[in-house]
């Protein structure tokens, strides 16, 4: 004797399984996208804070001996921090100038900071 099972419940179960697996993949994609977005926002926020830190000693448009000491201590962090090239190059020029920073190097760093903070 042979027992015949209706095919409809088997197909329905397969469809439910397929939908649930597809839904899980969609949820995983959404979670991955959200995590990636959060990481990007965190990195962007960290860069913005680093820019503010670099730019705060020169917000008055001048660089005194104390400012220069602070800026020189930040050169390596700025190079490795993924900051805009304009700031990296300007800070390198200021640091390379020693104790007597030319006015154009100061102006370049101030402009680089203004541009970076405005964007």
C-alpha atoms as a PDB file:
ATOM      1  CA  UNK A   1       0.000   0.000   0.000  1.00  0.00           C
ATOM      2  CA  UNK A   2       1.252   3.396  -0.936  1.00  0.00           C
ATOM      3  CA  UNK A   3       0.395   6.617   0.945  1.00  0.00           C
ATOM      4  CA  UNK A   4       0.074   9.696  -1.171  1.00  0.00           C
ATOM      5  CA  UNK A   5       0.746  12.989   0.538  1.00  0.00           C
ATOM      6  CA  UNK A   6      -0.794  16.070  -0.909  1.00  0.00           C
ATOM      7  CA  UNK A   7       1.845  18.116  -2.708  1.00  0.00           C
ATOM      8  CA  UNK A   8       0.406  21.482  -1.758  1.00  0.00           C
ATOM      9  CA  UNK A   9       1.580  21.476   1.917  1.00  0.00           C
ATOM     10  CA  UNK A  10       5.086  20.483   0.837  1.00  0.00           C
ATOM     11  CA  UNK A  11       5.242  23.343  -1.656  1.00  0.00           C
ATOM     12  CA  UNK A  12       3.841  25.751   0.934  1.00  0.00           C
ATOM     13  CA  UNK A  13       6.490  24.708   3.461  1.00  0.00           C
ATOM     14  CA  UNK A  14       9.215  25.141   0.864  1.00  0.00           C
ATOM     15  CA  UNK A  15       7.893  28.589  -0.028  1.00  0.00           C
ATOM     16  CA  UNK A  16       7.823  29.650   3.640  1.00  0.00           C
ATOM     17  CA  UNK A  17      11.380  28.401   4.087  1.00  0.00           C
ATOM     18  CA  UNK A  18      12.536  30.254   0.977  1.00  0.00           C
ATOM     19  CA  UNK A  19      10.873  33.503   2.060  1.00  0.00           C
ATOM     20  CA  UNK A  20      12.335  33.263   5.555  1.00  0.00           C
ATOM     21  CA  UNK A  21      15.837  32.645   4.187  1.00  0.00           C
ATOM     22  CA  UNK A  22      15.510  35.540   1.777  1.00  0.00           C
ATOM     23  CA  UNK A  23      14.255  37.749   4.593  1.00  0.00           C
ATOM     24  CA  UNK A  24      17.239  36.827   6.760  1.00  0.00           C
ATOM     25  CA  UNK A  25      19.611  37.712   3.944  1.00  0.00           C
ATOM     26  CA  UNK A  26      17.851  41.057   3.546  1.00  0.00           C
ATOM     27  CA  UNK A  27      18.107  41.732   7.249  1.00  0.00           C
ATOM     28  CA  UNK A  28      21.792  40.811   7.202  1.00  0.00           C
ATOM     29  CA  UNK A  29      22.388  43.176   4.270  1.00  0.00           C
ATOM     30  CA  UNK A  30      20.534  45.963   6.061  1.00  0.00           C
ATOM     31  CA  UNK A  31      22.495  45.375   9.271  1.00  0.00           C
ATOM     32  CA  UNK A  32      25.771  45.318   7.381  1.00  0.00           C
ATOM     33  CA  UNK A  33      24.878  48.530   5.577  1.00  0.00           C
ATOM     34  CA  UNK A  34      23.902  50.214   8.840  1.00  0.00           C
ATOM     35  CA  UNK A  35      27.145  49.125  10.500  1.00  0.00           C
ATOM     36  CA  UNK A  36      29.183  50.394   7.559  1.00  0.00           C
ATOM     37  CA  UNK A  37      27.351  53.710   7.634  1.00  0.00           C
ATOM     38  CA  UNK A  38      27.914  54.047  11.385  1.00  0.00           C
ATOM     39  CA  UNK A  39      31.619  53.302  10.969  1.00  0.00           C
ATOM     40  CA  UNK A  40      31.910  55.914   8.232  1.00  0.00           C
ATOM     41  CA  UNK A  41      30.123  58.510  10.357  1.00  0.00           C
ATOM     42  CA  UNK A  42      32.387  57.707  13.299  1.00  0.00           C
ATOM     43  CA  UNK A  43      35.516  58.034  11.162  1.00  0.00           C
ATOM     44  CA  UNK A  44      34.273  61.311   9.679  1.00  0.00           C
ATOM     45  CA  UNK A  45      33.515  62.619  13.159  1.00  0.00           C
ATOM     46  CA  UNK A  46      36.982  61.655  14.373  1.00  0.00           C
ATOM     47  CA  UNK A  47      38.576  63.428  11.402  1.00  0.00           C
ATOM     48  CA  UNK A  48      36.503  66.547  12.088  1.00  0.00           C
ATOM     49  CA  UNK A  49      37.617  66.531  15.727  1.00  0.00           C
ATOM     50  CA  UNK A  50      41.251  66.099  14.701  1.00  0.00           C
ATOM     51  CA  UNK A  51      40.914  69.035  12.312  1.00  0.00           C
ATOM     52  CA  UNK A  52      39.461  71.154  15.135  1.00  0.00           C
ATOM     53  CA  UNK A  53      42.343  70.122  17.400  1.00  0.00           C
ATOM     54  CA  UNK A  54      44.961  70.981  14.787  1.00  0.00           C
ATOM     55  CA  UNK A  55      43.302  74.255  13.915  1.00  0.00           C
ATOM     56  CA  UNK A  56      42.497  75.504  17.420  1.00  0.00           C
ATOM     57  CA  UNK A  57      46.002  76.870  18.193  1.00  0.00           C
ATOM     58  CA  UNK A  58      45.880  79.085  15.104  1.00  0.00           C
ATOM     59  CA  UNK A  59      42.276  80.255  15.255  1.00  0.00           C
ATOM     60  CA  UNK A  60      43.500  83.799  15.925  1.00  0.00           C
ATOM     61  CA  UNK A  61      45.499  83.705  12.663  1.00  0.00           C
ATOM     62  CA  UNK A  62      48.923  83.670  14.282  1.00  0.00           C
ATOM     63  CA  UNK A  63      51.346  81.022  15.468  1.00  0.00           C
ATOM     64  CA  UNK A  64      53.332  81.741  18.621  1.00  0.00           C
ATOM     65  CA  UNK A  65      55.990  79.523  20.252  1.00  0.00           C
ATOM     66  CA  UNK A  66      53.409  77.627  22.309  1.00  0.00           C
ATOM     67  CA  UNK A  67      51.211  77.034  19.253  1.00  0.00           C
ATOM     68  CA  UNK A  68      54.217  75.837  17.297  1.00  0.00           C
ATOM     69  CA  UNK A  69      55.076  73.311  19.999  1.00  0.00           C
ATOM     70  CA  UNK A  70      51.511  71.955  19.930  1.00  0.00           C
ATOM     71  CA  UNK A  71      51.421  71.831  16.129  1.00  0.00           C
ATOM     72  CA  UNK A  72      54.777  70.050  15.921  1.00  0.00           C
ATOM     73  CA  UNK A  73      53.503  67.394  18.321  1.00  0.00           C
ATOM     74  CA  UNK A  74      50.572  66.695  15.975  1.00  0.00           C
ATOM     75  CA  UNK A  75      52.449  66.284  12.685  1.00  0.00           C
ATOM     76  CA  UNK A  76      52.649  62.467  12.745  1.00  0.00           C
ATOM     77  CA  UNK A  77      49.033  62.051  13.864  1.00  0.00           C
ATOM     78  CA  UNK A  78      47.855  64.359  11.094  1.00  0.00           C
ATOM     79  CA  UNK A  79      49.837  62.465   8.454  1.00  0.00           C
ATOM     80  CA  UNK A  80      48.362  59.138   9.557  1.00  0.00           C
ATOM     81  CA  UNK A  81      44.882  60.443  10.357  1.00  0.00           C
ATOM     82  CA  UNK A  82      43.602  60.697   6.813  1.00  0.00           C
ATOM     83  CA  UNK A  83      43.115  64.446   6.987  1.00  0.00           C
ATOM     84  CA  UNK A  84      42.864  66.562   3.840  1.00  0.00           C
ATOM     85  CA  UNK A  85      46.191  66.889   2.013  1.00  0.00           C
ATOM     86  CA  UNK A  86      45.885  70.660   2.216  1.00  0.00           C
ATOM     87  CA  UNK A  87      46.126  70.530   6.024  1.00  0.00           C
ATOM     88  CA  UNK A  88      48.860  67.886   6.018  1.00  0.00           C
ATOM     89  CA  UNK A  89      51.017  69.866   3.584  1.00  0.00           C
ATOM     90  CA  UNK A  90      50.449  73.181   5.378  1.00  0.00           C
ATOM     91  CA  UNK A  91      51.271  71.658   8.758  1.00  0.00           C
ATOM     92  CA  UNK A  92      54.396  70.033   7.310  1.00  0.00           C
ATOM     93  CA  UNK A  93      55.509  73.442   6.005  1.00  0.00           C
ATOM     94  CA  UNK A  94      54.926  75.048   9.400  1.00  0.00           C
ATOM     95  CA  UNK A  95      56.773  72.270  11.223  1.00  0.00           C
ATOM     96  CA  UNK A  96      59.698  72.376   8.775  1.00  0.00           C
ATOM     97  CA  UNK A  97      60.082  76.138   9.252  1.00  0.00           C
ATOM     98  CA  UNK A  98      61.372  75.751  12.787  1.00  0.00           C
ATOM     99  CA  UNK A  99      60.988  78.620  15.227  1.00  0.00           C
ATOM    100  CA  UNK A 100      60.556  81.285  12.559  1.00  0.00           C
ATOM    101  CA  UNK A 101      57.404  80.367  10.606  1.00  0.00           C
ATOM    102  CA  UNK A 102      56.984  82.490   7.471  1.00  0.00           C
ATOM    103  CA  UNK A 103      53.755  84.447   7.161  1.00  0.00           C
ATOM    104  CA  UNK A 104      52.745  82.576   3.990  1.00  0.00           C
ATOM    105  CA  UNK A 105      53.079  79.182   5.762  1.00  0.00           C
ATOM    106  CA  UNK A 106      50.888  80.497   8.578  1.00  0.00           C
ATOM    107  CA  UNK A 107      48.363  81.840   6.088  1.00  0.00           C
ATOM    108  CA  UNK A 108      48.308  78.510   4.222  1.00  0.00           C
ATOM    109  CA  UNK A 109      47.583  76.585   7.425  1.00  0.00           C
ATOM    110  CA  UNK A 110      44.860  79.041   8.455  1.00  0.00           C
ATOM    111  CA  UNK A 111      43.268  78.769   4.988  1.00  0.00           C
ATOM    112  CA  UNK A 112      43.524  74.969   5.027  1.00  0.00           C
ATOM    113  CA  UNK A 113      41.827  74.881   8.416  1.00  0.00           C
ATOM    114  CA  UNK A 114      39.087  77.252   7.300  1.00  0.00           C
ATOM    115  CA  UNK A 115      38.435  75.150   4.183  1.00  0.00           C
ATOM    116  CA  UNK A 116      38.382  71.880   6.090  1.00  0.00           C
ATOM    117  CA  UNK A 117      36.073  73.173   8.813  1.00  0.00           C
ATOM    118  CA  UNK A 118      33.713  74.728   6.269  1.00  0.00           C
ATOM    119  CA  UNK A 119      33.194  71.449   4.414  1.00  0.00           C
END
